[in-house]
Amino acid sequence: MGDAKSRDEKWVEGSGNVFADLGFANAEDLAIETELLRRIIAIIRARKLSQRAAARVLGIDQPKVCALMNGKTRGYSISRMIRFLAALDQDVEIRIRPKPRSRSRAVVRVAA
């Protein structure tokens, strides 16, 4: 049934950054913000913190935690999200090193 349609589909390998693949100008920043937020949310959920308790830990009000938990990062810089991770007892390490010659561009990524 879906065979005819699937034969016409073309697959393109992604770059590893969906925001770059979609043409966003600030793709690296968006990818970093998204990964930092993903980790903040995971920690809050793993600790079973209420939004009110998370707000106390992060030093923001509960509606802002609600927005974060719903993926809204507007108004939060990368450095502020790093401070949120530190408030959640996470060490954050930033390493700078030369890019390999095999790659044409340097990358910025979040790794755990």
N, C-alpha and C. Protein backbone atom coordinates (compact mmCIF):
# COMPACT_ATOMS: atom_id res chain seq x y z
N MET A 1 0.81 -1.18 0.00
CA MET A 1 0.00 0.00 0.00
C MET A 1 0.87 1.26 0.00
N GLY A 2 1.78 1.41 0.98
CA GLY A 2 2.64 2.57 1.05
C GLY A 2 3.91 2.41 0.24
N ASP A 3 4.06 1.29 -0.48
CA ASP A 3 5.30 1.03 -1.21
C ASP A 3 5.56 2.05 -2.31
N ALA A 4 4.55 2.41 -3.09
CA ALA A 4 4.74 3.36 -4.18
C ALA A 4 5.20 4.71 -3.64
N LYS A 5 4.58 5.15 -2.57
CA LYS A 5 4.95 6.43 -1.98
C LYS A 5 6.36 6.38 -1.41
N SER A 6 6.71 5.31 -0.72
CA SER A 6 8.02 5.23 -0.08
C SER A 6 9.15 5.17 -1.12
N ARG A 7 8.88 4.67 -2.32
CA ARG A 7 9.92 4.63 -3.35
C ARG A 7 10.27 6.03 -3.84
N ASP A 8 9.33 6.95 -3.75
CA ASP A 8 9.57 8.32 -4.21
C ASP A 8 10.20 9.21 -3.15
N GLU A 9 10.22 8.75 -1.91
CA GLU A 9 10.78 9.56 -0.83
C GLU A 9 12.29 9.62 -0.95
N LYS A 10 12.84 10.79 -0.62
CA LYS A 10 14.30 10.97 -0.62
C LYS A 10 14.71 11.26 0.82
N TRP A 11 15.74 10.59 1.25
CA TRP A 11 16.26 10.78 2.60
C TRP A 11 17.55 11.56 2.51
N VAL A 12 17.71 12.51 3.39
CA VAL A 12 18.92 13.31 3.46
C VAL A 12 19.49 13.16 4.86
N GLU A 13 20.77 12.88 4.94
CA GLU A 13 21.41 12.74 6.25
C GLU A 13 21.54 14.12 6.88
N GLY A 14 21.15 14.21 8.15
CA GLY A 14 21.22 15.47 8.87
C GLY A 14 22.63 15.81 9.30
N SER A 15 22.82 17.06 9.64
CA SER A 15 24.13 17.55 10.07
C SER A 15 24.40 17.23 11.54
N GLY A 16 23.36 16.82 12.26
CA GLY A 16 23.49 16.63 13.70
C GLY A 16 22.89 17.81 14.46
N ASN A 17 22.57 18.88 13.73
CA ASN A 17 21.92 20.05 14.33
C ASN A 17 20.67 20.33 13.52
N VAL A 18 19.53 19.96 14.06
CA VAL A 18 18.27 20.13 13.34
C VAL A 18 18.01 21.59 13.00
N PHE A 19 18.45 22.51 13.85
CA PHE A 19 18.23 23.92 13.60
C PHE A 19 19.02 24.40 12.38
N ALA A 20 20.25 23.89 12.22
CA ALA A 20 21.04 24.22 11.02
C ALA A 20 20.39 23.61 9.79
N ASP A 21 19.92 22.38 9.92
CA ASP A 21 19.28 21.70 8.79
C ASP A 21 18.03 22.45 8.34
N LEU A 22 17.37 23.13 9.28
CA LEU A 22 16.16 23.90 8.94
C LEU A 22 16.48 25.34 8.53
N GLY A 23 17.77 25.71 8.58
CA GLY A 23 18.18 27.01 8.08
C GLY A 23 18.15 28.15 9.08
N PHE A 24 18.08 27.86 10.36
CA PHE A 24 18.09 28.92 11.35
C PHE A 24 19.47 29.58 11.40
N ALA A 25 19.50 30.90 11.45
CA ALA A 25 20.76 31.64 11.47
C ALA A 25 21.54 31.39 12.76
N ASN A 26 20.85 31.25 13.87
CA ASN A 26 21.49 31.05 15.17
C ASN A 26 21.40 29.58 15.60
N ALA A 27 21.64 28.69 14.68
CA ALA A 27 21.44 27.25 14.89
C ALA A 27 22.28 26.70 16.05
N GLU A 28 23.53 27.11 16.16
CA GLU A 28 24.36 26.57 17.25
C GLU A 28 23.83 26.98 18.60
N ASP A 29 23.45 28.26 18.74
CA ASP A 29 22.89 28.72 20.01
C ASP A 29 21.62 27.96 20.35
N LEU A 30 20.75 27.77 19.38
CA LEU A 30 19.50 27.05 19.62
C LEU A 30 19.76 25.61 20.04
N ALA A 31 20.73 24.97 19.42
CA ALA A 31 21.06 23.59 19.78
C ALA A 31 21.60 23.51 21.21
N ILE A 32 22.44 24.46 21.58
CA ILE A 32 22.99 24.49 22.94
C ILE A 32 21.89 24.74 23.95
N GLU A 33 21.05 25.76 23.68
CA GLU A 33 19.95 26.07 24.59
C GLU A 33 19.02 24.86 24.77
N THR A 34 18.73 24.19 23.68
CA THR A 34 17.84 23.04 23.73
C THR A 34 18.42 21.92 24.57
N GLU A 35 19.70 21.65 24.40
CA GLU A 35 20.32 20.58 25.17
C GLU A 35 20.43 20.94 26.65
N LEU A 36 20.78 22.17 26.95
CA LEU A 36 20.84 22.60 28.35
C LEU A 36 19.45 22.49 28.98
N LEU A 37 18.44 22.95 28.27
CA LEU A 37 17.07 22.87 28.78
C LEU A 37 16.64 21.42 28.97
N ARG A 38 16.98 20.57 28.01
CA ARG A 38 16.64 19.16 28.14
C ARG A 38 17.21 18.57 29.43
N ARG A 39 18.43 18.94 29.74
CA ARG A 39 19.07 18.42 30.95
C ARG A 39 18.46 19.01 32.22
N ILE A 40 18.13 20.31 32.18
CA ILE A 40 17.48 20.94 33.34
C ILE A 40 16.16 20.23 33.63
N ILE A 41 15.36 20.03 32.60
CA ILE A 41 14.07 19.36 32.76
C ILE A 41 14.26 17.94 33.29
N ALA A 42 15.23 17.22 32.75
CA ALA A 42 15.47 15.83 33.18
C ALA A 42 15.84 15.78 34.66
N ILE A 43 16.64 16.72 35.12
CA ILE A 43 17.06 16.74 36.53
C ILE A 43 15.86 17.05 37.43
N ILE A 44 15.07 18.04 37.04
CA ILE A 44 13.89 18.40 37.82
C ILE A 44 12.95 17.19 37.92
N ARG A 45 12.74 16.51 36.80
CA ARG A 45 11.85 15.34 36.80
C ARG A 45 12.44 14.19 37.62
N ALA A 46 13.75 13.94 37.45
CA ALA A 46 14.39 12.84 38.18
C ALA A 46 14.32 13.07 39.68
N ARG A 47 14.42 14.31 40.10
CA ARG A 47 14.35 14.62 41.53
C ARG A 47 12.91 14.76 42.01
N LYS A 48 11.97 14.65 41.07
CA LYS A 48 10.55 14.76 41.39
C LYS A 48 10.24 16.08 42.11
N LEU A 49 10.88 17.16 41.65
CA LEU A 49 10.64 18.47 42.24
C LEU A 49 9.33 19.03 41.70
N SER A 50 8.55 19.61 42.55
CA SER A 50 7.38 20.34 42.09
C SER A 50 7.90 21.61 41.40
N GLN A 51 7.05 22.25 40.63
CA GLN A 51 7.47 23.49 39.99
C GLN A 51 7.81 24.55 41.04
N ARG A 52 7.08 24.55 42.13
CA ARG A 52 7.36 25.51 43.20
C ARG A 52 8.73 25.24 43.82
N ALA A 53 9.05 23.96 44.06
CA ALA A 53 10.36 23.61 44.64
C ALA A 53 11.47 23.93 43.65
N ALA A 54 11.25 23.62 42.38
CA ALA A 54 12.25 23.93 41.36
C ALA A 54 12.48 25.43 41.27
N ALA A 55 11.40 26.21 41.41
CA ALA A 55 11.51 27.66 41.37
C ALA A 55 12.42 28.16 42.49
N ARG A 56 12.26 27.60 43.68
CA ARG A 56 13.11 27.99 44.81
C ARG A 56 14.57 27.68 44.52
N VAL A 57 14.82 26.49 43.99
CA VAL A 57 16.20 26.07 43.68
C VAL A 57 16.81 26.97 42.61
N LEU A 58 16.05 27.27 41.57
CA LEU A 58 16.56 28.05 40.44
C LEU A 58 16.55 29.54 40.69
N GLY A 59 15.82 29.99 41.70
CA GLY A 59 15.75 31.42 41.99
C GLY A 59 14.85 32.20 41.04
N ILE A 60 13.82 31.51 40.51
CA ILE A 60 12.85 32.16 39.63
C ILE A 60 11.46 31.82 40.15
N ASP A 61 10.43 32.46 39.59
CA ASP A 61 9.09 32.15 40.07
C ASP A 61 8.50 30.93 39.35
N GLN A 62 7.46 30.36 39.94
CA GLN A 62 6.86 29.12 39.44
C GLN A 62 6.37 29.23 38.01
N PRO A 63 5.72 30.33 37.58
CA PRO A 63 5.29 30.40 36.18
C PRO A 63 6.46 30.31 35.19
N LYS A 64 7.63 30.81 35.59
CA LYS A 64 8.81 30.71 34.72
C LYS A 64 9.31 29.27 34.65
N VAL A 65 9.21 28.54 35.75
CA VAL A 65 9.56 27.12 35.72
C VAL A 65 8.59 26.39 34.81
N CYS A 66 7.32 26.72 34.90
CA CYS A 66 6.30 26.10 34.04
C CYS A 66 6.66 26.32 32.57
N ALA A 67 7.06 27.55 32.23
CA ALA A 67 7.45 27.85 30.85
C ALA A 67 8.67 27.01 30.44
N LEU A 68 9.66 26.92 31.32
CA LEU A 68 10.84 26.10 31.02
C LEU A 68 10.45 24.65 30.80
N MET A 69 9.60 24.13 31.67
CA MET A 69 9.18 22.73 31.56
C MET A 69 8.41 22.46 30.27
N ASN A 70 7.88 23.53 29.68
CA ASN A 70 7.18 23.43 28.41
C ASN A 70 8.06 23.82 27.23
N GLY A 71 9.39 23.88 27.47
CA GLY A 71 10.33 24.10 26.38
C GLY A 71 10.54 25.53 25.96
N LYS A 72 10.10 26.46 26.75
CA LYS A 72 10.24 27.87 26.39
C LYS A 72 11.51 28.45 27.02
N THR A 73 12.46 28.82 26.18
CA THR A 73 13.73 29.35 26.68
C THR A 73 13.87 30.85 26.46
N ARG A 74 12.85 31.48 25.88
CA ARG A 74 12.93 32.92 25.61
C ARG A 74 13.22 33.66 26.92
N GLY A 75 14.21 34.53 26.87
CA GLY A 75 14.57 35.30 28.05
C GLY A 75 15.66 34.66 28.89
N TYR A 76 16.10 33.46 28.52
CA TYR A 76 17.15 32.78 29.28
C TYR A 76 18.37 32.59 28.39
N SER A 77 19.44 33.21 28.76
CA SER A 77 20.69 33.06 28.02
C SER A 77 21.32 31.71 28.34
N ILE A 78 22.27 31.34 27.52
CA ILE A 78 23.01 30.10 27.77
C ILE A 78 23.69 30.17 29.13
N SER A 79 24.26 31.32 29.47
CA SER A 79 24.95 31.44 30.76
C SER A 79 23.97 31.32 31.93
N ARG A 80 22.75 31.81 31.76
CA ARG A 80 21.78 31.67 32.84
C ARG A 80 21.36 30.21 33.00
N MET A 81 21.20 29.50 31.89
CA MET A 81 20.85 28.07 31.99
C MET A 81 21.99 27.28 32.63
N ILE A 82 23.23 27.70 32.37
CA ILE A 82 24.36 27.06 33.04
C ILE A 82 24.28 27.30 34.55
N ARG A 83 23.89 28.51 34.95
CA ARG A 83 23.71 28.80 36.38
C ARG A 83 22.57 27.95 36.97
N PHE A 84 21.51 27.72 36.18
CA PHE A 84 20.44 26.83 36.66
C PHE A 84 20.99 25.44 36.93
N LEU A 85 21.82 24.94 36.02
CA LEU A 85 22.41 23.61 36.21
C LEU A 85 23.28 23.58 37.47
N ALA A 86 24.04 24.64 37.70
CA ALA A 86 24.86 24.71 38.92
C ALA A 86 23.97 24.73 40.15
N ALA A 87 22.85 25.44 40.09
CA ALA A 87 21.91 25.48 41.21
C ALA A 87 21.31 24.09 41.46
N LEU A 88 21.26 23.29 40.42
CA LEU A 88 20.76 21.91 40.53
C LEU A 88 21.90 20.94 40.86
N ASP A 89 23.01 21.47 41.38
CA ASP A 89 24.17 20.68 41.82
C ASP A 89 24.87 19.94 40.70
N GLN A 90 24.92 20.55 39.53
CA GLN A 90 25.63 19.95 38.39
C GLN A 90 26.91 20.74 38.14
N ASP A 91 28.02 20.04 37.98
CA ASP A 91 29.25 20.68 37.52
C ASP A 91 29.11 20.90 36.02
N VAL A 92 29.51 22.06 35.56
CA VAL A 92 29.48 22.38 34.14
C VAL A 92 30.90 22.72 33.74
N GLU A 93 31.41 22.03 32.74
CA GLU A 93 32.78 22.21 32.29
C GLU A 93 32.76 22.68 30.84
N ILE A 94 33.54 23.71 30.55
CA ILE A 94 33.67 24.19 29.18
C ILE A 94 35.11 23.96 28.75
N ARG A 95 35.28 23.18 27.68
CA ARG A 95 36.62 22.89 27.17
C ARG A 95 36.78 23.53 25.80
N ILE A 96 37.94 24.07 25.57
CA ILE A 96 38.25 24.67 24.27
C ILE A 96 39.48 23.95 23.73
N ARG A 97 39.36 23.48 22.48
CA ARG A 97 40.48 22.77 21.86
C ARG A 97 40.43 22.98 20.35
N PRO A 98 41.56 22.81 19.69
CA PRO A 98 41.57 22.98 18.23
C PRO A 98 40.68 21.93 17.56
N LYS A 99 40.02 22.33 16.48
CA LYS A 99 39.20 21.38 15.73
C LYS A 99 40.11 20.45 14.95
N PRO A 100 39.67 19.24 14.70
CA PRO A 100 40.48 18.33 13.88
C PRO A 100 40.57 18.85 12.44
N ARG A 101 41.65 18.58 11.80
CA ARG A 101 41.83 19.00 10.40
C ARG A 101 40.83 18.32 9.47
N SER A 102 40.33 17.19 9.90
CA SER A 102 39.39 16.43 9.06
C SER A 102 38.03 17.12 8.95
N ARG A 103 37.75 18.09 9.82
CA ARG A 103 36.49 18.79 9.80
C ARG A 103 36.69 20.19 9.26
N SER A 104 35.76 20.67 8.45
CA SER A 104 35.91 22.01 7.85
C SER A 104 35.56 23.13 8.82
N ARG A 105 34.66 22.85 9.76
CA ARG A 105 34.22 23.88 10.69
C ARG A 105 34.37 23.42 12.13
N ALA A 106 34.60 24.38 13.00
CA ALA A 106 34.60 24.09 14.43
C ALA A 106 33.16 23.93 14.88
N VAL A 107 32.93 23.17 15.93
CA VAL A 107 31.58 22.97 16.45
C VAL A 107 31.53 23.33 17.92
N VAL A 108 30.35 23.66 18.36
CA VAL A 108 30.07 23.90 19.77
C VAL A 108 28.98 22.91 20.13
N ARG A 109 29.19 22.14 21.19
CA ARG A 109 28.20 21.14 21.59
C ARG A 109 28.17 20.96 23.09
N VAL A 110 27.10 20.40 23.55
CA VAL A 110 26.93 20.08 24.95
C VAL A 110 27.06 18.57 25.07
N ALA A 111 27.93 18.11 25.96
CA ALA A 111 28.12 16.68 26.16
C ALA A 111 28.12 16.39 27.65
N ALA A 112 27.68 15.21 28.01
CA ALA A 112 27.70 14.83 29.42
C ALA A 112 28.55 13.60 29.60
